Amino acid sequence: MKEKQYFVALDDFEHGVVIRSLNDEKSELKHEGKSTDAVDELIIKIGHAPSKRFRVVERNSRHDER
């Protein structure tokens, strides 16, 4: 069975927030003497993720209003 993948659209500001948050988590784990391998992998994945242009279609958040 193929592994499920998730895609998240982030602007430059949000991308920076995610990277900084992961770095903060990594620092906290180091301070506690725990492994940072999982966080390191996420930082690499997010830091090297390709950017792609796409169009955003906004919808009403309520499904009953159509």
PDB file of N, CA and C in Angstrom:
ATOM      1  N   MET A   1       0.841  -1.182   0.000  1.00  0.00           N
ATOM      2  CA  MET A   1       0.000   0.000   0.000  1.00  0.00           C
ATOM      3  C   MET A   1       0.887   1.246   0.000  1.00  0.00           C
ATOM      4  N   LYS A   2       0.519   2.223  -0.800  1.00  0.00           N
ATOM      5  CA  LYS A   2       1.292   3.445  -0.924  1.00  0.00           C
ATOM      6  C   LYS A   2       1.101   4.328   0.314  1.00  0.00           C
ATOM      7  N   GLU A   3       2.183   4.927   0.766  1.00  0.00           N
ATOM      8  CA  GLU A   3       2.120   5.803   1.939  1.00  0.00           C
ATOM      9  C   GLU A   3       1.387   7.091   1.594  1.00  0.00           C
ATOM     10  N   LYS A   4       0.517   7.537   2.481  1.00  0.00           N
ATOM     11  CA  LYS A   4      -0.260   8.751   2.274  1.00  0.00           C
ATOM     12  C   LYS A   4       0.642   9.978   2.402  1.00  0.00           C
ATOM     13  N   GLN A   5       0.468  10.949   1.511  1.00  0.00           N
ATOM     14  CA  GLN A   5       1.239  12.188   1.564  1.00  0.00           C
ATOM     15  C   GLN A   5       0.306  13.361   1.813  1.00  0.00           C
ATOM     16  N   TYR A   6       0.830  14.373   2.466  1.00  0.00           N
ATOM     17  CA  TYR A   6       0.071  15.579   2.752  1.00  0.00           C
ATOM     18  C   TYR A   6       0.793  16.772   2.143  1.00  0.00           C
ATOM     19  N   PHE A   7       0.032  17.718   1.609  1.00  0.00           N
ATOM     20  CA  PHE A   7       0.591  18.927   1.023  1.00  0.00           C
ATOM     21  C   PHE A   7      -0.003  20.122   1.753  1.00  0.00           C
ATOM     22  N   VAL A   8       0.859  21.059   2.099  1.00  0.00           N
ATOM     23  CA  VAL A   8       0.435  22.245   2.837  1.00  0.00           C
ATOM     24  C   VAL A   8       0.915  23.475   2.077  1.00  0.00           C
ATOM     25  N   ALA A   9       0.023  24.426   1.866  1.00  0.00           N
ATOM     26  CA  ALA A   9       0.380  25.670   1.184  1.00  0.00           C
ATOM     27  C   ALA A   9       0.768  26.710   2.236  1.00  0.00           C
ATOM     28  N   LEU A  10       1.999  27.222   2.136  1.00  0.00           N
ATOM     29  CA  LEU A  10       2.500  28.230   3.062  1.00  0.00           C
ATOM     30  C   LEU A  10       3.043  29.416   2.283  1.00  0.00           C
ATOM     31  N   ASP A  11       2.785  30.624   2.770  1.00  0.00           N
ATOM     32  CA  ASP A  11       3.449  31.771   2.170  1.00  0.00           C
ATOM     33  C   ASP A  11       4.823  31.922   2.835  1.00  0.00           C
ATOM     34  N   ASP A  12       5.615  32.892   2.416  1.00  0.00           N
ATOM     35  CA  ASP A  12       6.971  33.035   2.942  1.00  0.00           C
ATOM     36  C   ASP A  12       6.989  33.257   4.453  1.00  0.00           C
ATOM     37  N   PHE A  13       6.055  34.064   4.950  1.00  0.00           N
ATOM     38  CA  PHE A  13       5.996  34.323   6.389  1.00  0.00           C
ATOM     39  C   PHE A  13       5.693  33.042   7.155  1.00  0.00           C
ATOM     40  N   GLU A  14       4.681  32.306   6.710  1.00  0.00           N
ATOM     41  CA  GLU A  14       4.299  31.066   7.387  1.00  0.00           C
ATOM     42  C   GLU A  14       5.423  30.032   7.332  1.00  0.00           C
ATOM     43  N   HIS A  15       6.107  29.966   6.212  1.00  0.00           N
ATOM     44  CA  HIS A  15       7.236  29.046   6.059  1.00  0.00           C
ATOM     45  C   HIS A  15       8.304  29.365   7.108  1.00  0.00           C
ATOM     46  N   GLY A  16       8.593  30.653   7.289  1.00  0.00           N
ATOM     47  CA  GLY A  16       9.568  31.067   8.292  1.00  0.00           C
ATOM     48  C   GLY A  16       9.134  30.723   9.706  1.00  0.00           C
ATOM     49  N   VAL A  17       7.839  30.904   9.985  1.00  0.00           N
ATOM     50  CA  VAL A  17       7.302  30.573  11.313  1.00  0.00           C
ATOM     51  C   VAL A  17       7.478  29.088  11.600  1.00  0.00           C
ATOM     52  N   VAL A  18       7.182  28.243  10.613  1.00  0.00           N
ATOM     53  CA  VAL A  18       7.314  26.796  10.801  1.00  0.00           C
ATOM     54  C   VAL A  18       8.769  26.422  11.065  1.00  0.00           C
ATOM     55  N   ILE A  19       9.687  26.966  10.280  1.00  0.00           N
ATOM     56  CA  ILE A  19      11.112  26.656  10.466  1.00  0.00           C
ATOM     57  C   ILE A  19      11.588  27.118  11.839  1.00  0.00           C
ATOM     58  N   ARG A  20      11.213  28.338  12.240  1.00  0.00           N
ATOM     59  CA  ARG A  20      11.617  28.837  13.563  1.00  0.00           C
ATOM     60  C   ARG A  20      11.022  27.991  14.681  1.00  0.00           C
ATOM     61  N   SER A  21       9.780  27.572  14.528  1.00  0.00           N
ATOM     62  CA  SER A  21       9.139  26.733  15.546  1.00  0.00           C
ATOM     63  C   SER A  21       9.851  25.385  15.672  1.00  0.00           C
ATOM     64  N   LEU A  22      10.211  24.811  14.537  1.00  0.00           N
ATOM     65  CA  LEU A  22      10.941  23.544  14.578  1.00  0.00           C
ATOM     66  C   LEU A  22      12.313  23.726  15.217  1.00  0.00           C
ATOM     67  N   ASN A  23      12.973  24.834  14.930  1.00  0.00           N
ATOM     68  CA  ASN A  23      14.267  25.103  15.570  1.00  0.00           C
ATOM     69  C   ASN A  23      14.113  25.270  17.078  1.00  0.00           C
ATOM     70  N   ASP A  24      13.042  25.944  17.508  1.00  0.00           N
ATOM     71  CA  ASP A  24      12.776  26.088  18.944  1.00  0.00           C
ATOM     72  C   ASP A  24      12.549  24.720  19.588  1.00  0.00           C
ATOM     73  N   GLU A  25      11.778  23.864  18.907  1.00  0.00           N
ATOM     74  CA  GLU A  25      11.521  22.513  19.421  1.00  0.00           C
ATOM     75  C   GLU A  25      12.818  21.715  19.501  1.00  0.00           C
ATOM     76  N   LYS A  26      13.661  21.864  18.489  1.00  0.00           N
ATOM     77  CA  LYS A  26      14.950  21.163  18.487  1.00  0.00           C
ATOM     78  C   LYS A  26      15.806  21.612  19.666  1.00  0.00           C
ATOM     79  N   SER A  27      15.826  22.912  19.916  1.00  0.00           N
ATOM     80  CA  SER A  27      16.595  23.438  21.048  1.00  0.00           C
ATOM     81  C   SER A  27      16.066  22.893  22.372  1.00  0.00           C
ATOM     82  N   GLU A  28      14.749  22.835  22.489  1.00  0.00           N
ATOM     83  CA  GLU A  28      14.136  22.317  23.714  1.00  0.00           C
ATOM     84  C   GLU A  28      14.486  20.839  23.922  1.00  0.00           C
ATOM     85  N   LEU A  29      14.419  20.062  22.846  1.00  0.00           N
ATOM     86  CA  LEU A  29      14.765  18.644  22.940  1.00  0.00           C
ATOM     87  C   LEU A  29      16.228  18.454  23.331  1.00  0.00           C
ATOM     88  N   LYS A  30      17.120  19.268  22.752  1.00  0.00           N
ATOM     89  CA  LYS A  30      18.544  19.203  23.103  1.00  0.00           C
ATOM     90  C   LYS A  30      18.739  19.523  24.578  1.00  0.00           C
ATOM     91  N   HIS A  31      18.035  20.550  25.045  1.00  0.00           N
ATOM     92  CA  HIS A  31      18.136  20.961  26.443  1.00  0.00           C
ATOM     93  C   HIS A  31      17.694  19.830  27.385  1.00  0.00           C
ATOM     94  N   GLU A  32      16.684  19.058  26.938  1.00  0.00           N
ATOM     95  CA  GLU A  32      16.189  17.933  27.731  1.00  0.00           C
ATOM     96  C   GLU A  32      17.015  16.668  27.532  1.00  0.00           C
ATOM     97  N   GLY A  33      17.988  16.721  26.636  1.00  0.00           N
ATOM     98  CA  GLY A  33      18.833  15.562  26.380  1.00  0.00           C
ATOM     99  C   GLY A  33      18.167  14.487  25.536  1.00  0.00           C
ATOM    100  N   LYS A  34      17.160  14.867  24.765  1.00  0.00           N
ATOM    101  CA  LYS A  34      16.430  13.910  23.926  1.00  0.00           C
ATOM    102  C   LYS A  34      16.919  13.982  22.484  1.00  0.00           C
ATOM    103  N   SER A  35      16.572  12.965  21.704  1.00  0.00           N
ATOM    104  CA  SER A  35      16.965  12.896  20.301  1.00  0.00           C
ATOM    105  C   SER A  35      16.220  13.952  19.477  1.00  0.00           C
ATOM    106  N   THR A  36      16.935  14.552  18.531  1.00  0.00           N
ATOM    107  CA  THR A  36      16.335  15.564  17.661  1.00  0.00           C
ATOM    108  C   THR A  36      16.210  15.067  16.219  1.00  0.00           C
ATOM    109  N   ASP A  37      16.397  13.782  16.002  1.00  0.00           N
ATOM    110  CA  ASP A  37      16.410  13.235  14.638  1.00  0.00           C
ATOM    111  C   ASP A  37      15.128  13.542  13.865  1.00  0.00           C
ATOM    112  N   ALA A  38      13.976  13.332  14.468  1.00  0.00           N
ATOM    113  CA  ALA A  38      12.703  13.554  13.772  1.00  0.00           C
ATOM    114  C   ALA A  38      12.536  15.027  13.388  1.00  0.00           C
ATOM    115  N   VAL A  39      12.885  15.925  14.302  1.00  0.00           N
ATOM    116  CA  VAL A  39      12.769  17.359  14.033  1.00  0.00           C
ATOM    117  C   VAL A  39      13.773  17.767  12.960  1.00  0.00           C
ATOM    118  N   ASP A  40      14.983  17.213  13.011  1.00  0.00           N
ATOM    119  CA  ASP A  40      15.990  17.501  11.986  1.00  0.00           C
ATOM    120  C   ASP A  40      15.483  17.123  10.595  1.00  0.00           C
ATOM    121  N   GLU A  41      14.855  15.959  10.491  1.00  0.00           N
ATOM    122  CA  GLU A  41      14.319  15.513   9.200  1.00  0.00           C
ATOM    123  C   GLU A  41      13.224  16.444   8.698  1.00  0.00           C
ATOM    124  N   LEU A  42      12.357  16.905   9.603  1.00  0.00           N
ATOM    125  CA  LEU A  42      11.302  17.833   9.205  1.00  0.00           C
ATOM    126  C   LEU A  42      11.865  19.170   8.746  1.00  0.00           C
ATOM    127  N   ILE A  43      12.877  19.666   9.434  1.00  0.00           N
ATOM    128  CA  ILE A  43      13.506  20.929   9.042  1.00  0.00           C
ATOM    129  C   ILE A  43      14.076  20.798   7.634  1.00  0.00           C
ATOM    130  N   ILE A  44      14.726  19.686   7.350  1.00  0.00           N
ATOM    131  CA  ILE A  44      15.294  19.466   6.019  1.00  0.00           C
ATOM    132  C   ILE A  44      14.188  19.370   4.967  1.00  0.00           C
ATOM    133  N   LYS A  45      13.132  18.599   5.258  1.00  0.00           N
ATOM    134  CA  LYS A  45      12.035  18.452   4.301  1.00  0.00           C
ATOM    135  C   LYS A  45      11.375  19.788   3.991  1.00  0.00           C
ATOM    136  N   ILE A  46      11.069  20.546   5.024  1.00  0.00           N
ATOM    137  CA  ILE A  46      10.379  21.820   4.822  1.00  0.00           C
ATOM    138  C   ILE A  46      11.316  22.853   4.205  1.00  0.00           C
ATOM    139  N   GLY A  47      12.567  22.853   4.632  1.00  0.00           N
ATOM    140  CA  GLY A  47      13.527  23.807   4.099  1.00  0.00           C
ATOM    141  C   GLY A  47      13.836  23.597   2.631  1.00  0.00           C
ATOM    142  N   HIS A  48      13.796  22.354   2.172  1.00  0.00           N
ATOM    143  CA  HIS A  48      14.113  22.044   0.777  1.00  0.00           C
ATOM    144  C   HIS A  48      12.874  21.750  -0.067  1.00  0.00           C
ATOM    145  N   ALA A  49      11.701  21.961   0.483  1.00  0.00           N
ATOM    146  CA  ALA A  49      10.476  21.693  -0.268  1.00  0.00           C
ATOM    147  C   ALA A  49      10.376  22.653  -1.454  1.00  0.00           C
ATOM    148  N   PRO A  50      10.021  22.131  -2.628  1.00  0.00           N
ATOM    149  CA  PRO A  50       9.903  22.998  -3.802  1.00  0.00           C
ATOM    150  C   PRO A  50       8.700  23.923  -3.671  1.00  0.00           C
ATOM    151  N   SER A  51       8.812  25.085  -4.262  1.00  0.00           N
ATOM    152  CA  SER A  51       7.673  25.998  -4.274  1.00  0.00           C
ATOM    153  C   SER A  51       6.941  25.822  -5.600  1.00  0.00           C
ATOM    154  N   LYS A  52       5.662  26.040  -5.549  1.00  0.00           N
ATOM    155  CA  LYS A  52       4.846  25.868  -6.736  1.00  0.00           C
ATOM    156  C   LYS A  52       3.772  26.938  -6.736  1.00  0.00           C
ATOM    157  N   ARG A  53       3.551  27.547  -7.886  1.00  0.00           N
ATOM    158  CA  ARG A  53       2.504  28.552  -8.001  1.00  0.00           C
ATOM    159  C   ARG A  53       1.183  27.859  -8.271  1.00  0.00           C
ATOM    160  N   PHE A  54       0.136  28.342  -7.637  1.00  0.00           N
ATOM    161  CA  PHE A  54      -1.185  27.789  -7.864  1.00  0.00           C
ATOM    162  C   PHE A  54      -2.220  28.842  -7.519  1.00  0.00           C
ATOM    163  N   ARG A  55      -3.419  28.602  -7.961  1.00  0.00           N
ATOM    164  CA  ARG A  55      -4.506  29.540  -7.712  1.00  0.00           C
ATOM    165  C   ARG A  55      -5.307  29.059  -6.511  1.00  0.00           C
ATOM    166  N   VAL A  56      -5.646  29.977  -5.625  1.00  0.00           N
ATOM    167  CA  VAL A  56      -6.429  29.644  -4.437  1.00  0.00           C
ATOM    168  C   VAL A  56      -7.874  30.042  -4.684  1.00  0.00           C
ATOM    169  N   VAL A  57      -8.773  29.100  -4.482  1.00  0.00           N
ATOM    170  CA  VAL A  57     -10.201  29.365  -4.597  1.00  0.00           C
ATOM    171  C   VAL A  57     -10.774  29.339  -3.193  1.00  0.00           C
ATOM    172  N   GLU A  58     -11.275  30.480  -2.754  1.00  0.00           N
ATOM    173  CA  GLU A  58     -11.822  30.557  -1.402  1.00  0.00           C
ATOM    174  C   GLU A  58     -13.285  30.153  -1.423  1.00  0.00           C
ATOM    175  N   ARG A  59     -13.659  29.358  -0.433  1.00  0.00           N
ATOM    176  CA  ARG A  59     -15.037  28.925  -0.292  1.00  0.00           C
ATOM    177  C   ARG A  59     -15.536  29.326   1.078  1.00  0.00           C
ATOM    178  N   ASN A  60     -16.834  29.405   1.188  1.00  0.00           N
ATOM    179  CA  ASN A  60     -17.441  29.685   2.466  1.00  0.00           C
ATOM    180  C   ASN A  60     -17.164  28.517   3.404  1.00  0.00           C
ATOM    181  N   SER A  61     -16.831  28.780   4.644  1.00  0.00           N
ATOM    182  CA  SER A  61     -16.475  27.700   5.571  1.00  0.00           C
ATOM    183  C   SER A  61     -17.671  26.857   5.989  1.00  0.00           C
ATOM    184  N   ARG A  62     -18.870  27.350   5.817  1.00  0.00           N
ATOM    185  CA  ARG A  62     -20.060  26.574   6.179  1.00  0.00           C
ATOM    186  C   ARG A  62     -20.556  25.817   4.960  1.00  0.00           C
ATOM    187  N   HIS A  63     -20.726  24.523   5.135  1.00  0.00           N
ATOM    188  CA  HIS A  63     -21.170  23.686   4.030  1.00  0.00           C
ATOM    189  C   HIS A  63     -22.655  23.835   3.729  1.00  0.00           C
ATOM    190  N   ASP A  64     -23.432  24.274   4.714  1.00  0.00           N
ATOM    191  CA  ASP A  64     -24.876  24.369   4.520  1.00  0.00           C
ATOM    192  C   ASP A  64     -25.287  25.620   3.760  1.00  0.00           C
ATOM    193  N   GLU A  65     -24.382  26.575   3.577  1.00  0.00           N
ATOM    194  CA  GLU A  65     -24.689  27.792   2.832  1.00  0.00           C
ATOM    195  C   GLU A  65     -24.193  27.649   1.402  1.00  0.00           C
ATOM    196  N   ARG A  66     -25.104  27.347   0.518  1.00  0.00           N
ATOM    197  CA  ARG A  66     -24.723  27.231  -0.906  1.00  0.00           C
ATOM    198  C   ARG A  66     -25.704  27.902  -1.777  1.00  0.00           C
TER     199      ARG A  66
END
